[in-house]
Amino acid sequence: SNIALRLLWVIIASVGGWLLYLINVNLMIYTGFFAG
């Protein structure tokens, strides 16, 4: 159960990383930092 809980945290971290990346890039496009 400890390994299963750690695996769940790995999945959450991976999905959270993508969400943070998507928010970051879209904010850079919106603010004009990354040209359209």
PDB file of all heavy atoms in Angstrom:
ATOM      1  N   SER A   1       0.831  -1.203   0.000  1.00  0.00           N
ATOM      2  CA  SER A   1       0.000   0.000   0.000  1.00  0.00           C
ATOM      3  C   SER A   1       0.867   1.255   0.000  1.00  0.00           C
ATOM      4  O   SER A   1       0.476   2.275  -0.578  1.00  0.00           O
ATOM      5  CB  SER A   1      -0.936  -0.003   1.204  1.00  0.00           C
ATOM      6  OG  SER A   1      -0.207   0.087   2.402  1.00  0.00           O
ATOM      7  N   ASN A   2       2.050   1.183   0.616  1.00  0.00           N
ATOM      8  CA  ASN A   2       2.968   2.316   0.605  1.00  0.00           C
ATOM      9  C   ASN A   2       3.467   2.569  -0.813  1.00  0.00           C
ATOM     10  O   ASN A   2       3.549   3.720  -1.250  1.00  0.00           O
ATOM     11  CB  ASN A   2       4.131   2.041   1.558  1.00  0.00           C
ATOM     12  CG  ASN A   2       4.941   3.276   1.849  1.00  0.00           C
ATOM     13  OD1 ASN A   2       4.566   4.377   1.494  1.00  0.00           O
ATOM     14  ND2 ASN A   2       6.073   3.069   2.485  1.00  0.00           N
ATOM     15  N   ILE A   3       3.789   1.519  -1.557  1.00  0.00           N
ATOM     16  CA  ILE A   3       4.237   1.663  -2.942  1.00  0.00           C
ATOM     17  C   ILE A   3       3.101   2.186  -3.812  1.00  0.00           C
ATOM     18  O   ILE A   3       3.314   3.032  -4.687  1.00  0.00           O
ATOM     19  CB  ILE A   3       4.795   0.328  -3.463  1.00  0.00           C
ATOM     20  CG1 ILE A   3       6.126   0.022  -2.772  1.00  0.00           C
ATOM     21  CG2 ILE A   3       4.979   0.356  -4.969  1.00  0.00           C
ATOM     22  CD1 ILE A   3       6.705  -1.325  -3.119  1.00  0.00           C
ATOM     23  N   ALA A   4       1.881   1.710  -3.577  1.00  0.00           N
ATOM     24  CA  ALA A   4       0.733   2.197  -4.349  1.00  0.00           C
ATOM     25  C   ALA A   4       0.492   3.678  -4.094  1.00  0.00           C
ATOM     26  O   ALA A   4       0.181   4.438  -5.020  1.00  0.00           O
ATOM     27  CB  ALA A   4      -0.505   1.383  -4.002  1.00  0.00           C
ATOM     28  N   LEU A   5       0.647   4.111  -2.849  1.00  0.00           N
ATOM     29  CA  LEU A   5       0.484   5.530  -2.520  1.00  0.00           C
ATOM     30  C   LEU A   5       1.565   6.372  -3.184  1.00  0.00           C
ATOM     31  O   LEU A   5       1.291   7.453  -3.712  1.00  0.00           O
ATOM     32  CB  LEU A   5       0.514   5.716  -1.003  1.00  0.00           C
ATOM     33  CG  LEU A   5       0.270   7.128  -0.500  1.00  0.00           C
ATOM     34  CD1 LEU A   5      -1.135   7.582  -0.873  1.00  0.00           C
ATOM     35  CD2 LEU A   5       0.463   7.190   1.001  1.00  0.00           C
ATOM     36  N   ARG A   6       2.790   5.865  -3.193  1.00  0.00           N
ATOM     37  CA  ARG A   6       3.876   6.597  -3.860  1.00  0.00           C
ATOM     38  C   ARG A   6       3.653   6.658  -5.367  1.00  0.00           C
ATOM     39  O   ARG A   6       3.938   7.679  -5.992  1.00  0.00           O
ATOM     40  CB  ARG A   6       5.221   5.946  -3.559  1.00  0.00           C
ATOM     41  CG  ARG A   6       5.676   6.169  -2.146  1.00  0.00           C
ATOM     42  CD  ARG A   6       7.018   5.557  -1.919  1.00  0.00           C
ATOM     43  NE  ARG A   6       7.410   5.673  -0.521  1.00  0.00           N
ATOM     44  CZ  ARG A   6       8.563   5.270  -0.059  1.00  0.00           C
ATOM     45  NH1 ARG A   6       9.448   4.707  -0.873  1.00  0.00           N
ATOM     46  NH2 ARG A   6       8.856   5.410   1.214  1.00  0.00           N
ATOM     47  N   LEU A   7       3.146   5.587  -5.940  1.00  0.00           N
ATOM     48  CA  LEU A   7       2.842   5.590  -7.371  1.00  0.00           C
ATOM     49  C   LEU A   7       1.741   6.601  -7.683  1.00  0.00           C
ATOM     50  O   LEU A   7       1.793   7.293  -8.704  1.00  0.00           O
ATOM     51  CB  LEU A   7       2.439   4.192  -7.835  1.00  0.00           C
ATOM     52  CG  LEU A   7       2.212   4.027  -9.324  1.00  0.00           C
ATOM     53  CD1 LEU A   7       3.486   4.314 -10.103  1.00  0.00           C
ATOM     54  CD2 LEU A   7       1.723   2.629  -9.631  1.00  0.00           C
ATOM     55  N   LEU A   8       0.778   6.731  -6.813  1.00  0.00           N
ATOM     56  CA  LEU A   8      -0.266   7.740  -6.986  1.00  0.00           C
ATOM     57  C   LEU A   8       0.328   9.141  -6.956  1.00  0.00           C
ATOM     58  O   LEU A   8      -0.044  10.006  -7.755  1.00  0.00           O
ATOM     59  CB  LEU A   8      -1.339   7.577  -5.901  1.00  0.00           C
ATOM     60  CG  LEU A   8      -2.484   8.574  -5.941  1.00  0.00           C
ATOM     61  CD1 LEU A   8      -3.304   8.378  -7.209  1.00  0.00           C
ATOM     62  CD2 LEU A   8      -3.341   8.428  -4.709  1.00  0.00           C
ATOM     63  N   TRP A   9       1.276   9.381  -6.062  1.00  0.00           N
ATOM     64  CA  TRP A   9       1.942  10.684  -5.999  1.00  0.00           C
ATOM     65  C   TRP A   9       2.747  10.956  -7.258  1.00  0.00           C
ATOM     66  O   TRP A   9       2.823  12.094  -7.725  1.00  0.00           O
ATOM     67  CB  TRP A   9       2.828  10.798  -4.769  1.00  0.00           C
ATOM     68  CG  TRP A   9       2.057  11.149  -3.543  1.00  0.00           C
ATOM     69  CD1 TRP A   9       1.820  10.346  -2.478  1.00  0.00           C
ATOM     70  CD2 TRP A   9       1.395  12.389  -3.265  1.00  0.00           C
ATOM     71  NE1 TRP A   9       1.044  11.010  -1.561  1.00  0.00           N
ATOM     72  CE2 TRP A   9       0.776  12.270  -2.018  1.00  0.00           C
ATOM     73  CE3 TRP A   9       1.268  13.579  -3.961  1.00  0.00           C
ATOM     74  CZ2 TRP A   9       0.050  13.300  -1.446  1.00  0.00           C
ATOM     75  CZ3 TRP A   9       0.535  14.613  -3.391  1.00  0.00           C
ATOM     76  CH2 TRP A   9      -0.063  14.458  -2.150  1.00  0.00           C
ATOM     77  N   VAL A  10       3.357   9.926  -7.832  1.00  0.00           N
ATOM     78  CA  VAL A  10       4.098  10.084  -9.089  1.00  0.00           C
ATOM     79  C   VAL A  10       3.149  10.507 -10.204  1.00  0.00           C
ATOM     80  O   VAL A  10       3.449  11.413 -10.989  1.00  0.00           O
ATOM     81  CB  VAL A  10       4.840   8.780  -9.450  1.00  0.00           C
ATOM     82  CG1 VAL A  10       5.357   8.810 -10.869  1.00  0.00           C
ATOM     83  CG2 VAL A  10       5.977   8.532  -8.479  1.00  0.00           C
ATOM     84  N   ILE A  11       1.991   9.882 -10.269  1.00  0.00           N
ATOM     85  CA  ILE A  11       1.009  10.232 -11.297  1.00  0.00           C
ATOM     86  C   ILE A  11       0.505  11.657 -11.092  1.00  0.00           C
ATOM     87  O   ILE A  11       0.394  12.431 -12.048  1.00  0.00           O
ATOM     88  CB  ILE A  11      -0.151   9.215 -11.292  1.00  0.00           C
ATOM     89  CG1 ILE A  11       0.363   7.848 -11.740  1.00  0.00           C
ATOM     90  CG2 ILE A  11      -1.304   9.682 -12.174  1.00  0.00           C
ATOM     91  CD1 ILE A  11      -0.615   6.718 -11.530  1.00  0.00           C
ATOM     92  N   ILE A  12       0.229  12.025  -9.859  1.00  0.00           N
ATOM     93  CA  ILE A  12      -0.233  13.384  -9.567  1.00  0.00           C
ATOM     94  C   ILE A  12       0.843  14.400  -9.921  1.00  0.00           C
ATOM     95  O   ILE A  12       0.550  15.467 -10.478  1.00  0.00           O
ATOM     96  CB  ILE A  12      -0.666  13.494  -8.091  1.00  0.00           C
ATOM     97  CG1 ILE A  12      -1.956  12.715  -7.873  1.00  0.00           C
ATOM     98  CG2 ILE A  12      -0.835  14.947  -7.672  1.00  0.00           C
ATOM     99  CD1 ILE A  12      -2.365  12.588  -6.417  1.00  0.00           C
ATOM    100  N   ALA A  13       2.106  14.094  -9.617  1.00  0.00           N
ATOM    101  CA  ALA A  13       3.201  15.010  -9.940  1.00  0.00           C
ATOM    102  C   ALA A  13       3.357  15.167 -11.444  1.00  0.00           C
ATOM    103  O   ALA A  13       3.597  16.274 -11.943  1.00  0.00           O
ATOM    104  CB  ALA A  13       4.507  14.508  -9.314  1.00  0.00           C
ATOM    105  N   SER A  14       3.207  14.083 -12.191  1.00  0.00           N
ATOM    106  CA  SER A  14       3.335  14.156 -13.645  1.00  0.00           C
ATOM    107  C   SER A  14       2.218  14.986 -14.259  1.00  0.00           C
ATOM    108  O   SER A  14       2.465  15.839 -15.109  1.00  0.00           O
ATOM    109  CB  SER A  14       3.330  12.760 -14.240  1.00  0.00           C
ATOM    110  OG  SER A  14       4.472  12.057 -13.850  1.00  0.00           O
ATOM    111  N   VAL A  15       1.004  14.747 -13.828  1.00  0.00           N
ATOM    112  CA  VAL A  15      -0.130  15.530 -14.345  1.00  0.00           C
ATOM    113  C   VAL A  15      -0.023  16.985 -13.903  1.00  0.00           C
ATOM    114  O   VAL A  15      -0.282  17.909 -14.681  1.00  0.00           O
ATOM    115  CB  VAL A  15      -1.470  14.897 -13.900  1.00  0.00           C
ATOM    116  CG1 VAL A  15      -2.639  15.787 -14.240  1.00  0.00           C
ATOM    117  CG2 VAL A  15      -1.637  13.532 -14.532  1.00  0.00           C
ATOM    118  N   GLY A  16       0.388  17.199 -12.675  1.00  0.00           N
ATOM    119  CA  GLY A  16       0.570  18.565 -12.186  1.00  0.00           C
ATOM    120  C   GLY A  16       1.646  19.317 -12.938  1.00  0.00           C
ATOM    121  O   GLY A  16       1.525  20.522 -13.176  1.00  0.00           O
ATOM    122  N   GLY A  17       2.693  18.614 -13.338  1.00  0.00           N
ATOM    123  CA  GLY A  17       3.743  19.246 -14.133  1.00  0.00           C
ATOM    124  C   GLY A  17       3.239  19.714 -15.477  1.00  0.00           C
ATOM    125  O   GLY A  17       3.579  20.802 -15.944  1.00  0.00           O
ATOM    126  N   TRP A  18       2.396  18.889 -16.121  1.00  0.00           N
ATOM    127  CA  TRP A  18       1.827  19.302 -17.402  1.00  0.00           C
ATOM    128  C   TRP A  18       0.896  20.480 -17.237  1.00  0.00           C
ATOM    129  O   TRP A  18       0.890  21.403 -18.053  1.00  0.00           O
ATOM    130  CB  TRP A  18       1.089  18.147 -18.064  1.00  0.00           C
ATOM    131  CG  TRP A  18       1.949  17.408 -19.017  1.00  0.00           C
ATOM    132  CD1 TRP A  18       2.382  16.131 -18.878  1.00  0.00           C
ATOM    133  CD2 TRP A  18       2.530  17.892 -20.222  1.00  0.00           C
ATOM    134  NE1 TRP A  18       3.191  15.793 -19.930  1.00  0.00           N
ATOM    135  CE2 TRP A  18       3.295  16.865 -20.775  1.00  0.00           C
ATOM    136  CE3 TRP A  18       2.481  19.114 -20.882  1.00  0.00           C
ATOM    137  CZ2 TRP A  18       4.000  17.011 -21.960  1.00  0.00           C
ATOM    138  CZ3 TRP A  18       3.186  19.254 -22.069  1.00  0.00           C
ATOM    139  CH2 TRP A  18       3.932  18.212 -22.589  1.00  0.00           C
ATOM    140  N   LEU A  19       0.089  20.476 -16.184  1.00  0.00           N
ATOM    141  CA  LEU A  19      -0.828  21.604 -15.963  1.00  0.00           C
ATOM    142  C   LEU A  19      -0.062  22.893 -15.721  1.00  0.00           C
ATOM    143  O   LEU A  19      -0.413  23.951 -16.257  1.00  0.00           O
ATOM    144  CB  LEU A  19      -1.765  21.302 -14.796  1.00  0.00           C
ATOM    145  CG  LEU A  19      -2.828  20.248 -15.058  1.00  0.00           C
ATOM    146  CD1 LEU A  19      -3.612  19.963 -13.789  1.00  0.00           C
ATOM    147  CD2 LEU A  19      -3.758  20.697 -16.162  1.00  0.00           C
ATOM    148  N   LEU A  20       0.998  22.814 -14.935  1.00  0.00           N
ATOM    149  CA  LEU A  20       1.809  24.002 -14.666  1.00  0.00           C
ATOM    150  C   LEU A  20       2.484  24.490 -15.940  1.00  0.00           C
ATOM    151  O   LEU A  20       2.544  25.693 -16.207  1.00  0.00           O
ATOM    152  CB  LEU A  20       2.844  23.690 -13.586  1.00  0.00           C
ATOM    153  CG  LEU A  20       3.683  24.855 -13.108  1.00  0.00           C
ATOM    154  CD1 LEU A  20       2.806  25.910 -12.450  1.00  0.00           C
ATOM    155  CD2 LEU A  20       4.740  24.376 -12.139  1.00  0.00           C
ATOM    156  N   TYR A  21       2.978  23.556 -16.742  1.00  0.00           N
ATOM    157  CA  TYR A  21       3.596  23.932 -18.021  1.00  0.00           C
ATOM    158  C   TYR A  21       2.578  24.608 -18.942  1.00  0.00           C
ATOM    159  O   TYR A  21       2.866  25.639 -19.555  1.00  0.00           O
ATOM    160  CB  TYR A  21       4.190  22.692 -18.697  1.00  0.00           C
ATOM    161  CG  TYR A  21       4.401  22.857 -20.170  1.00  0.00           C
ATOM    162  CD1 TYR A  21       5.432  23.642 -20.659  1.00  0.00           C
ATOM    163  CD2 TYR A  21       3.543  22.250 -21.083  1.00  0.00           C
ATOM    164  CE1 TYR A  21       5.609  23.806 -22.023  1.00  0.00           C
ATOM    165  CE2 TYR A  21       3.717  22.401 -22.438  1.00  0.00           C
ATOM    166  CZ  TYR A  21       4.749  23.182 -22.909  1.00  0.00           C
ATOM    167  OH  TYR A  21       4.921  23.347 -24.245  1.00  0.00           O
ATOM    168  N   LEU A  22       1.386  24.030 -19.052  1.00  0.00           N
ATOM    169  CA  LEU A  22       0.360  24.609 -19.932  1.00  0.00           C
ATOM    170  C   LEU A  22      -0.056  26.002 -19.483  1.00  0.00           C
ATOM    171  O   LEU A  22      -0.198  26.915 -20.299  1.00  0.00           O
ATOM    172  CB  LEU A  22      -0.852  23.686 -19.991  1.00  0.00           C
ATOM    173  CG  LEU A  22      -0.636  22.356 -20.703  1.00  0.00           C
ATOM    174  CD1 LEU A  22      -1.853  21.468 -20.536  1.00  0.00           C
ATOM    175  CD2 LEU A  22      -0.307  22.570 -22.153  1.00  0.00           C
ATOM    176  N   ILE A  23      -0.238  26.173 -18.195  1.00  0.00           N
ATOM    177  CA  ILE A  23      -0.601  27.498 -17.675  1.00  0.00           C
ATOM    178  C   ILE A  23       0.516  28.491 -17.947  1.00  0.00           C
ATOM    179  O   ILE A  23       0.280  29.630 -18.373  1.00  0.00           O
ATOM    180  CB  ILE A  23      -0.928  27.404 -16.169  1.00  0.00           C
ATOM    181  CG1 ILE A  23      -2.236  26.651 -15.963  1.00  0.00           C
ATOM    182  CG2 ILE A  23      -0.997  28.791 -15.539  1.00  0.00           C
ATOM    183  CD1 ILE A  23      -2.515  26.284 -14.518  1.00  0.00           C
ATOM    184  N   ASN A  24       1.756  28.069 -17.727  1.00  0.00           N
ATOM    185  CA  ASN A  24       2.906  28.940 -17.924  1.00  0.00           C
ATOM    186  C   ASN A  24       3.032  29.393 -19.377  1.00  0.00           C
ATOM    187  O   ASN A  24       3.178  30.582 -19.655  1.00  0.00           O
ATOM    188  CB  ASN A  24       4.175  28.203 -17.478  1.00  0.00           C
ATOM    189  CG  ASN A  24       5.414  29.019 -17.651  1.00  0.00           C
ATOM    190  OD1 ASN A  24       5.399  30.224 -17.475  1.00  0.00           O
ATOM    191  ND2 ASN A  24       6.491  28.365 -17.998  1.00  0.00           N
ATOM    192  N   VAL A  25       2.968  28.460 -20.312  1.00  0.00           N
ATOM    193  CA  VAL A  25       3.127  28.819 -21.726  1.00  0.00           C
ATOM    194  C   VAL A  25       1.954  29.664 -22.209  1.00  0.00           C
ATOM    195  O   VAL A  25       2.148  30.647 -22.934  1.00  0.00           O
ATOM    196  CB  VAL A  25       3.310  27.549 -22.585  1.00  0.00           C
ATOM    197  CG1 VAL A  25       3.220  27.870 -24.060  1.00  0.00           C
ATOM    198  CG2 VAL A  25       4.642  26.901 -22.273  1.00  0.00           C
ATOM    199  N   ASN A  26       0.748  29.334 -21.809  1.00  0.00           N
ATOM    200  CA  ASN A  26      -0.401  30.139 -22.236  1.00  0.00           C
ATOM    201  C   ASN A  26      -0.355  31.541 -21.657  1.00  0.00           C
ATOM    202  O   ASN A  26      -0.743  32.500 -22.331  1.00  0.00           O
ATOM    203  CB  ASN A  26      -1.704  29.441 -21.852  1.00  0.00           C
ATOM    204  CG  ASN A  26      -2.011  28.300 -22.783  1.00  0.00           C
ATOM    205  OD1 ASN A  26      -1.830  28.415 -23.982  1.00  0.00           O
ATOM    206  ND2 ASN A  26      -2.465  27.192 -22.236  1.00  0.00           N
ATOM    207  N   LEU A  27       0.128  31.698 -20.433  1.00  0.00           N
ATOM    208  CA  LEU A  27       0.292  33.049 -19.889  1.00  0.00           C
ATOM    209  C   LEU A  27       1.380  33.822 -20.633  1.00  0.00           C
ATOM    210  O   LEU A  27       1.247  35.031 -20.836  1.00  0.00           O
ATOM    211  CB  LEU A  27       0.626  32.983 -18.394  1.00  0.00           C
ATOM    212  CG  LEU A  27      -0.545  32.708 -17.463  1.00  0.00           C
ATOM    213  CD1 LEU A  27      -0.058  32.559 -16.026  1.00  0.00           C
ATOM    214  CD2 LEU A  27      -1.568  33.829 -17.547  1.00  0.00           C
ATOM    215  N   MET A  28       2.439  33.135 -21.048  1.00  0.00           N
ATOM    216  CA  MET A  28       3.486  33.823 -21.815  1.00  0.00           C
ATOM    217  C   MET A  28       2.973  34.245 -23.185  1.00  0.00           C
ATOM    218  O   MET A  28       3.334  35.309 -23.684  1.00  0.00           O
ATOM    219  CB  MET A  28       4.718  32.930 -21.945  1.00  0.00           C
ATOM    220  CG  MET A  28       5.512  32.840 -20.673  1.00  0.00           C
ATOM    221  SD  MET A  28       7.116  32.077 -20.890  1.00  0.00           S
ATOM    222  CE  MET A  28       6.657  30.370 -21.055  1.00  0.00           C
ATOM    223  N   ILE A  29       2.129  33.439 -23.812  1.00  0.00           N
ATOM    224  CA  ILE A  29       1.537  33.822 -25.092  1.00  0.00           C
ATOM    225  C   ILE A  29       0.565  34.976 -24.891  1.00  0.00           C
ATOM    226  O   ILE A  29       0.549  35.945 -25.656  1.00  0.00           O
ATOM    227  CB  ILE A  29       0.845  32.618 -25.759  1.00  0.00           C
ATOM    228  CG1 ILE A  29       1.886  31.585 -26.182  1.00  0.00           C
ATOM    229  CG2 ILE A  29       0.022  33.048 -26.966  1.00  0.00           C
ATOM    230  CD1 ILE A  29       1.289  30.266 -26.632  1.00  0.00           C
ATOM    231  N   TYR A  30      -0.245  34.905 -23.838  1.00  0.00           N
ATOM    232  CA  TYR A  30      -1.239  35.944 -23.572  1.00  0.00           C
ATOM    233  C   TYR A  30      -0.587  37.291 -23.280  1.00  0.00           C
ATOM    234  O   TYR A  30      -1.062  38.328 -23.734  1.00  0.00           O
ATOM    235  CB  TYR A  30      -2.124  35.517 -22.396  1.00  0.00           C
ATOM    236  CG  TYR A  30      -3.167  36.536 -22.019  1.00  0.00           C
ATOM    237  CD1 TYR A  30      -4.277  36.747 -22.825  1.00  0.00           C
ATOM    238  CD2 TYR A  30      -3.041  37.281 -20.852  1.00  0.00           C
ATOM    239  CE1 TYR A  30      -5.228  37.683 -22.486  1.00  0.00           C
ATOM    240  CE2 TYR A  30      -3.983  38.218 -20.501  1.00  0.00           C
ATOM    241  CZ  TYR A  30      -5.082  38.413 -21.324  1.00  0.00           C
ATOM    242  OH  TYR A  30      -6.016  39.343 -20.985  1.00  0.00           O
ATOM    243  N   THR A  31       0.502  37.281 -22.527  1.00  0.00           N
ATOM    244  CA  THR A  31       1.168  38.540 -22.173  1.00  0.00           C
ATOM    245  C   THR A  31       2.089  39.039 -23.279  1.00  0.00           C
ATOM    246  O   THR A  31       2.626  40.138 -23.176  1.00  0.00           O
ATOM    247  CB  THR A  31       1.983  38.384 -20.878  1.00  0.00           C
ATOM    248  OG1 THR A  31       2.941  37.351 -21.050  1.00  0.00           O
ATOM    249  CG2 THR A  31       1.087  38.088 -19.699  1.00  0.00           C
ATOM    250  N   GLY A  32       2.299  38.251 -24.321  1.00  0.00           N
ATOM    251  CA  GLY A  32       3.151  38.669 -25.420  1.00  0.00           C
ATOM    252  C   GLY A  32       4.614  38.334 -25.236  1.00  0.00           C
ATOM    253  O   GLY A  32       5.456  38.713 -26.043  1.00  0.00           O
ATOM    254  N   PHE A  33       4.932  37.635 -24.162  1.00  0.00           N
ATOM    255  CA  PHE A  33       6.321  37.246 -23.906  1.00  0.00           C
ATOM    256  C   PHE A  33       6.778  36.219 -24.936  1.00  0.00           C
ATOM    257  O   PHE A  33       7.937  36.199 -25.336  1.00  0.00           O
ATOM    258  CB  PHE A  33       6.432  36.703 -22.483  1.00  0.00           C
ATOM    259  CG  PHE A  33       7.831  36.504 -22.010  1.00  0.00           C
ATOM    260  CD1 PHE A  33       8.653  37.590 -21.793  1.00  0.00           C
ATOM    261  CD2 PHE A  33       8.319  35.242 -21.777  1.00  0.00           C
ATOM    262  CE1 PHE A  33       9.948  37.419 -21.361  1.00  0.00           C
ATOM    263  CE2 PHE A  33       9.610  35.055 -21.342  1.00  0.00           C
ATOM    264  CZ  PHE A  33      10.427  36.146 -21.135  1.00  0.00           C
ATOM    265  N   PHE A  34       5.879  35.354 -25.358  1.00  0.00           N
ATOM    266  CA  PHE A  34       6.126  34.374 -26.415  1.00  0.00           C
ATOM    267  C   PHE A  34       5.232  34.783 -27.568  1.00  0.00           C
ATOM    268  O   PHE A  34       4.017  34.649 -27.504  1.00  0.00           O
ATOM    269  CB  PHE A  34       5.803  32.973 -25.913  1.00  0.00           C
ATOM    270  CG  PHE A  34       6.187  31.850 -26.833  1.00  0.00           C
ATOM    271  CD1 PHE A  34       7.333  31.900 -27.591  1.00  0.00           C
ATOM    272  CD2 PHE A  34       5.409  30.721 -26.911  1.00  0.00           C
ATOM    273  CE1 PHE A  34       7.695  30.854 -28.418  1.00  0.00           C
ATOM    274  CE2 PHE A  34       5.760  29.657 -27.731  1.00  0.00           C
ATOM    275  CZ  PHE A  34       6.906  29.739 -28.489  1.00  0.00           C
ATOM    276  N   ALA A  35       5.831  35.303 -28.635  1.00  0.00           N
ATOM    277  CA  ALA A  35       5.075  35.911 -29.723  1.00  0.00           C
ATOM    278  C   ALA A  35       4.172  34.894 -30.419  1.00  0.00           C
ATOM    279  O   ALA A  35       4.559  33.754 -30.658  1.00  0.00           O
ATOM    280  CB  ALA A  35       6.032  36.521 -30.735  1.00  0.00           C
ATOM    281  N   GLY A  36       2.971  35.332 -30.720  1.00  0.00           N
ATOM    282  CA  GLY A  36       2.023  34.476 -31.413  1.00  0.00           C
ATOM    283  C   GLY A  36       2.483  34.098 -32.811  1.00  0.00           C
ATOM    284  O   GLY A  36       2.139  33.042 -33.320  1.00  0.00           O
TER     285      GLY A  36
END
